[in-house]
Protein backbone atom coordinates (compact mmCIF):
# COMPACT_ATOMS: atom_id res chain seq x y z
CA UNK A 1 -8.70 -13.41 -15.72
CA UNK A 2 -6.14 -16.13 -14.97
CA UNK A 3 -2.90 -15.90 -13.06
CA UNK A 4 -0.88 -15.78 -16.27
CA UNK A 5 -2.79 -12.70 -17.47
CA UNK A 6 -2.64 -10.97 -14.09
CA UNK A 7 1.12 -11.31 -13.83
CA UNK A 8 2.12 -11.00 -17.48
CA UNK A 9 3.60 -7.54 -16.89
CA UNK A 10 5.78 -8.85 -14.06
CA UNK A 11 8.09 -11.05 -16.12
CA UNK A 12 11.67 -9.84 -16.17
CA UNK A 13 14.95 -11.59 -16.86
CA UNK A 14 17.17 -9.09 -15.00
CA UNK A 15 20.10 -10.75 -13.23
CA UNK A 16 21.51 -9.42 -9.95
CA UNK A 17 25.05 -10.77 -9.74
CA UNK A 18 27.09 -8.53 -7.45
CA UNK A 19 23.97 -6.86 -6.02
CA UNK A 20 22.80 -6.95 -2.39
CA UNK A 21 19.11 -7.15 -1.46
CA UNK A 22 17.40 -6.96 1.93
CA UNK A 23 13.93 -8.46 2.45
CA UNK A 24 11.98 -8.10 5.69
CA UNK A 25 9.38 -10.64 6.72
CA UNK A 26 11.23 -13.23 4.64
CA UNK A 27 10.91 -16.33 6.81
CA UNK A 28 7.52 -17.34 5.38
CA UNK A 29 4.81 -16.37 2.92
CA UNK A 30 5.41 -13.88 0.14
CA UNK A 31 8.62 -12.56 1.73
CA UNK A 32 10.23 -15.99 1.56
CA UNK A 33 9.27 -16.31 -2.11
CA UNK A 34 10.65 -12.83 -2.82
CA UNK A 35 13.96 -13.82 -1.24
CA UNK A 36 14.08 -17.01 -3.32
CA UNK A 37 13.36 -15.05 -6.50
CA UNK A 38 16.14 -12.55 -5.82
CA UNK A 39 18.56 -15.32 -4.86
CA UNK A 40 17.88 -17.16 -8.14
CA UNK A 41 18.91 -13.99 -9.94
CA UNK A 42 22.32 -14.12 -8.27
CA UNK A 43 21.90 -11.46 -5.58
CA UNK A 44 23.32 -11.65 -2.11
CA UNK A 45 20.13 -11.73 -0.06
CA UNK A 46 19.79 -10.59 3.55
CA UNK A 47 16.69 -11.86 5.33
CA UNK A 48 15.48 -10.37 8.59
CA UNK A 49 13.27 -11.75 11.36
CA UNK A 50 13.18 -11.85 15.15
CA UNK A 51 13.05 -15.66 15.35
CA UNK A 52 16.49 -17.23 14.95
CA UNK A 53 15.17 -20.74 14.25
CA UNK A 54 12.80 -19.54 11.54
CA UNK A 55 15.61 -17.45 10.06
CA UNK A 56 17.89 -20.45 9.82
CA UNK A 57 15.16 -22.63 8.30
CA UNK A 58 14.33 -19.94 5.74
CA UNK A 59 18.01 -19.50 4.86
CA UNK A 60 18.38 -23.22 4.20
CA UNK A 61 15.18 -23.23 2.13
CA UNK A 62 16.37 -20.30 0.00
CA UNK A 63 19.78 -21.89 -0.60
CA UNK A 64 18.19 -25.21 -1.55
CA UNK A 65 15.66 -23.56 -3.85
CA UNK A 66 18.02 -21.15 -5.60
CA UNK A 67 21.39 -22.86 -5.48
CA UNK A 68 22.74 -19.57 -4.17
CA UNK A 69 24.58 -19.91 -0.87
CA UNK A 70 25.19 -16.16 -0.48
CA UNK A 71 22.30 -15.73 1.95
CA UNK A 72 22.60 -13.85 5.24
CA UNK A 73 20.14 -14.35 8.10
CA UNK A 74 20.15 -11.42 10.53
CA UNK A 75 17.89 -10.92 13.54
CA UNK A 76 15.64 -7.88 13.81
CA UNK A 77 12.45 -7.33 15.82
CA UNK A 78 10.19 -4.54 14.57
CA UNK A 79 8.55 -4.45 17.99
CA UNK A 80 11.75 -2.81 19.24
CA UNK A 81 13.22 0.31 17.65
CA UNK A 82 16.50 -0.50 19.39
CA UNK A 83 16.53 -3.83 17.57
CA UNK A 84 16.01 -2.04 14.25
CA UNK A 85 18.87 0.32 15.02
CA UNK A 86 21.14 -2.57 16.00
CA UNK A 87 20.26 -4.37 12.78
CA UNK A 88 21.09 -1.28 10.73
CA UNK A 89 24.45 -0.83 12.43
CA UNK A 90 25.30 -4.47 11.88
CA UNK A 91 24.28 -4.24 8.24
CA UNK A 92 26.22 -1.05 7.57
CA UNK A 93 29.29 -2.54 9.23
CA UNK A 94 29.08 -5.79 7.27
CA UNK A 95 27.84 -4.65 3.86
CA UNK A 96 29.75 -2.30 1.54
CA UNK A 97 26.59 -1.78 -0.52
CA UNK A 98 22.81 -2.21 -0.53
CA UNK A 99 20.99 -2.16 -3.86
CA UNK A 100 17.49 -3.29 -2.94
CA UNK A 101 15.34 -2.89 0.17
CA UNK A 102 11.96 -4.62 0.14
CA UNK A 103 9.82 -3.69 3.15
CA UNK A 104 7.59 -6.74 2.98
CA UNK A 105 6.78 -7.34 6.63
CA UNK A 106 3.12 -7.04 7.55
CA UNK A 107 1.03 -8.50 10.34
CA UNK A 108 -2.52 -8.46 11.64
CA UNK A 109 -4.09 -9.77 14.83
CA UNK A 110 -1.39 -8.40 17.13
CA UNK A 111 -2.25 -7.22 20.65
CA UNK A 112 -3.93 -3.87 21.25
CA UNK A 113 -1.11 -2.38 23.33
CA UNK A 114 1.84 -0.03 23.28
CA UNK A 115 5.38 -1.24 22.75
CA UNK A 116 8.34 -0.22 24.93
CA UNK A 117 8.80 2.63 22.41
CA UNK A 118 5.35 4.01 23.31
CA UNK A 119 3.97 3.23 19.85
CA UNK A 120 0.98 1.04 19.11
CA UNK A 121 2.16 -2.50 18.38
CA UNK A 122 0.19 -2.77 15.12
CA UNK A 123 1.47 0.60 13.91
CA UNK A 124 5.07 -0.11 14.87
CA UNK A 125 5.25 -3.52 13.21
CA UNK A 126 3.38 -2.44 10.07
CA UNK A 127 4.70 1.09 9.60
CA UNK A 128 7.07 2.75 12.08
CA UNK A 129 9.60 -0.09 12.02
CA UNK A 130 9.84 0.07 8.23
CA UNK A 131 10.03 3.86 8.31
CA UNK A 132 12.96 3.77 10.72
CA UNK A 133 14.73 0.97 8.85
CA UNK A 134 14.38 2.79 5.52
CA UNK A 135 15.42 6.16 6.90
CA UNK A 136 18.56 4.76 8.54
CA UNK A 137 19.57 2.67 5.50
CA UNK A 138 19.07 5.50 3.01
CA UNK A 139 22.71 6.72 3.14
CA UNK A 140 23.93 3.20 2.23
CA UNK A 141 21.32 2.91 -0.52
CA UNK A 142 22.38 6.30 -1.86
CA UNK A 143 26.04 5.31 -1.81
CA UNK A 144 25.08 2.19 -3.82
CA UNK A 145 22.90 4.05 -6.35
CA UNK A 146 21.13 3.32 -8.57
CA UNK A 147 19.15 1.47 -5.90
CA UNK A 148 15.51 0.84 -5.05
CA UNK A 149 13.09 0.62 -2.14
CA UNK A 150 9.78 -1.26 -2.41
CA UNK A 151 7.13 -0.74 0.27
CA UNK A 152 4.47 -3.46 0.31
CA UNK A 153 1.10 -1.94 1.17
CA UNK A 154 -2.45 -3.27 0.76
CA UNK A 155 -5.80 -2.36 -0.77
CA UNK A 156 -6.86 -1.93 2.88
CA UNK A 157 -5.24 1.51 2.76
CA UNK A 158 -8.44 2.95 1.30
CA UNK A 159 -10.07 2.43 4.72
CA UNK A 160 -7.14 3.97 6.58
CA UNK A 161 -7.08 7.13 8.68
CA UNK A 162 -4.18 9.40 9.60
CA UNK A 163 -5.16 11.06 12.88
CA UNK A 164 -2.03 12.43 14.51
CA UNK A 165 -3.68 12.87 17.90
CA UNK A 166 -4.81 9.24 18.10
CA UNK A 167 -2.40 7.37 15.83
CA UNK A 168 -0.98 5.28 18.68
CA UNK A 169 -3.92 5.30 21.04
CA UNK A 170 -4.86 1.91 22.49
CA UNK A 171 -8.50 0.97 21.89
CA UNK A 172 -9.09 3.73 19.34
CA UNK A 173 -9.41 1.47 16.29
CA UNK A 174 -10.23 -2.15 15.55
CA UNK A 175 -7.29 -4.43 14.81
CA UNK A 176 -8.09 -4.21 11.12
CA UNK A 177 -8.39 -0.43 11.51
CA UNK A 178 -4.81 -0.13 12.76
CA UNK A 179 -3.68 -2.30 9.86
CA UNK A 180 -5.49 -0.03 7.37
CA UNK A 181 -3.94 3.05 8.97
CA UNK A 182 -0.45 1.58 8.77
CA UNK A 183 -0.82 0.55 5.14
CA UNK A 184 -2.07 4.03 4.26
CA UNK A 185 0.95 5.49 6.03
CA UNK A 186 3.24 3.19 4.01
CA UNK A 187 1.95 4.69 0.76
CA UNK A 188 2.03 8.30 1.96
CA UNK A 189 5.56 7.80 3.29
CA UNK A 190 6.58 6.47 -0.15
CA UNK A 191 5.31 9.57 -1.95
CA UNK A 192 6.91 11.96 0.51
CA UNK A 193 10.23 10.14 0.57
CA UNK A 194 10.39 10.23 -3.21
CA UNK A 195 9.93 14.01 -3.10
CA UNK A 196 12.69 14.41 -0.54
CA UNK A 197 15.30 12.18 -2.19
CA UNK A 198 14.86 13.08 -5.87
CA UNK A 199 18.20 13.17 -7.64
CA UNK A 200 19.81 10.79 -5.14
CA UNK A 201 19.72 7.78 -7.45
CA UNK A 202 17.41 5.95 -5.03
CA UNK A 203 13.94 5.06 -6.30
CA UNK A 204 11.05 4.23 -3.97
CA UNK A 205 7.77 2.52 -4.88
CA UNK A 206 4.67 1.24 -3.09
CA UNK A 207 2.51 -1.66 -4.20
CA UNK A 208 -0.62 -3.68 -3.46
CA UNK A 209 0.12 -7.41 -3.69
CA UNK A 210 -3.50 -8.56 -3.57
CA UNK A 211 -4.47 -11.67 -1.62
CA UNK A 212 -2.00 -14.53 -1.46
CA UNK A 213 -2.32 -18.15 -0.36
CA UNK A 214 -0.98 -17.70 3.16
CA UNK A 215 -1.73 -18.00 6.88
CA UNK A 216 -1.88 -14.22 7.24
CA UNK A 217 -4.49 -14.33 10.05
CA UNK A 218 -2.49 -16.73 12.24
CA UNK A 219 -1.94 -14.16 15.02
CA UNK A 220 -5.63 -13.76 15.93
CA UNK A 221 -6.63 -15.28 19.26
CA UNK A 222 -10.11 -15.93 17.87
CA UNK A 223 -9.95 -19.45 16.44
CA UNK A 224 -12.92 -18.86 14.12
CA UNK A 225 -11.28 -15.80 12.54
CA UNK A 226 -8.03 -17.72 12.13
CA UNK A 227 -9.59 -20.74 10.46
CA UNK A 228 -12.20 -18.94 8.35
CA UNK A 229 -10.00 -16.21 6.87
CA UNK A 230 -6.92 -18.39 6.42
CA UNK A 231 -9.09 -20.97 4.64
CA UNK A 232 -10.44 -18.21 2.40
CA UNK A 233 -6.92 -17.05 1.53
CA UNK A 234 -5.77 -20.58 0.77
CA UNK A 235 -8.85 -21.11 -1.41
CA UNK A 236 -9.03 -17.81 -3.29
CA UNK A 237 -5.58 -16.25 -2.90
CA UNK A 238 -2.90 -16.03 -5.54
CA UNK A 239 0.07 -18.44 -5.55
CA UNK A 240 2.78 -16.84 -3.43
CA UNK A 241 5.59 -17.39 -5.92
CA UNK A 242 3.56 -15.37 -8.42
CA UNK A 243 2.73 -12.65 -5.89
CA UNK A 244 6.46 -12.36 -5.23
CA UNK A 245 7.12 -11.38 -8.84
CA UNK A 246 5.45 -8.00 -8.19
CA UNK A 247 7.87 -6.51 -5.64
CA UNK A 248 10.76 -8.11 -7.50
CA UNK A 249 9.67 -6.42 -10.73
CA UNK A 250 9.66 -3.02 -9.02
CA UNK A 251 13.03 -3.76 -7.47
CA UNK A 252 14.84 -4.76 -10.67
CA UNK A 253 13.11 -3.94 -13.95
CA UNK A 254 14.46 -1.04 -16.05
CA UNK A 255 10.95 -0.18 -17.31
CA UNK A 256 10.13 1.52 -13.98
CA UNK A 257 13.43 3.30 -13.41
CA UNK A 258 11.75 6.68 -14.07
CA UNK A 259 8.57 5.92 -12.11
CA UNK A 260 9.75 6.49 -8.54
CA UNK A 261 7.08 7.54 -6.05
CA UNK A 262 4.25 5.69 -7.78
CA UNK A 263 1.91 2.97 -6.56
CA UNK A 264 1.53 -0.36 -8.36
CA UNK A 265 -0.66 -3.42 -8.61
CA UNK A 266 0.02 -6.36 -10.93
CA UNK A 267 3.14 -4.54 -12.11
CA UNK A 268 1.18 -1.64 -13.57
CA UNK A 269 0.69 1.81 -12.07
CA UNK A 270 -2.41 1.82 -9.88
CA UNK A 271 -4.35 4.58 -8.17
CA UNK A 272 -3.82 4.56 -4.40
CA UNK A 273 -5.80 7.32 -2.66
CA UNK A 274 -6.44 11.05 -2.99
CA UNK A 275 -4.56 11.71 0.25
CA UNK A 276 -1.33 10.99 -1.64
CA UNK A 277 -1.74 14.45 -3.19
CA UNK A 278 -2.11 16.24 0.16
CA UNK A 279 1.37 17.74 0.48
CA UNK A 280 0.65 19.22 3.91
CA UNK A 281 -0.46 15.85 5.29
CA UNK A 282 2.50 14.04 3.73
CA UNK A 283 5.02 16.48 5.17
CA UNK A 284 3.45 16.33 8.61
CA UNK A 285 3.40 12.52 8.58
CA UNK A 286 7.09 12.48 7.64
CA UNK A 287 8.10 14.84 10.45
CA UNK A 288 5.83 13.16 12.99
CA UNK A 289 7.24 9.75 12.06
CA UNK A 290 10.77 11.04 12.56
CA UNK A 291 9.79 12.43 15.94
CA UNK A 292 8.05 9.26 17.12
CA UNK A 293 10.91 6.93 16.14
CA UNK A 294 13.30 9.46 17.71
CA UNK A 295 15.62 10.19 14.79
CA UNK A 296 18.70 11.75 16.37
CA UNK A 297 20.72 14.60 14.90
CA UNK A 298 23.46 12.12 14.03
CA UNK A 299 21.00 9.90 12.17
CA UNK A 300 19.26 12.73 10.34
CA UNK A 301 20.76 12.83 6.84
CA UNK A 302 18.24 15.52 5.88
CA UNK A 303 20.30 18.02 7.86
CA UNK A 304 23.07 17.70 5.27
CA UNK A 305 21.04 17.57 2.04
């Protein structure tokens, strides 16, 4: 099957003039291509990263590629929950609306250690940061409804494990194991959030982007792993501009407006994992995530819904 066939369901001509979209992990790889795609459709696009230089370079690239100068580069470091909260406050203060949130950021090869928030670095960057960001931005998304959230997961979720006693334990899992756990949590969080926000006008989806032509393994200290797996991605992965059409499709196309809570691959509904039907597990993960990222009473919109 060729790229054209794989992505034929992803084509959409929806324009986004007057809309505001936020893309995390948008300074390189698929996230950068997603931001370009949204910008070409006329949206105001906010890109987030912890590196100011890379943010500025990405902003200039998006403007040059799309011809859309309405691009905002705003710093945020998922390794720090305080940074996420500061980003949210800045965004809420500056933006009267938010129509699209694409949680694209994902990383592998990070250190096996706890962050200053007492969460495992791999889990915080790949799951808890996005959970906190999404939870805190939900009131703005709701006020802007109809709006959408897209959580980028991975096929690796099928190897994931949700063990509440050891979720953030250093040395418990391999680096890839933590990544699998986080990507499983992304999908379970999507299903549970959909259940909790039904009727709000905010849709939430998860998706598997497949393998893209990127330097995804760049953070590994092991030079062999870096070179071998990055070479494999560049050889066998999908073109990133095509991969980017998948989250964009979920974020904009009217054909999925009644499909909130579902998991997708190649812009078609796709089975994720049986755990997505475990309502007890999903509810516990939601409450445990809120506890671990320290949602305060003032931040907890669930108290008033």
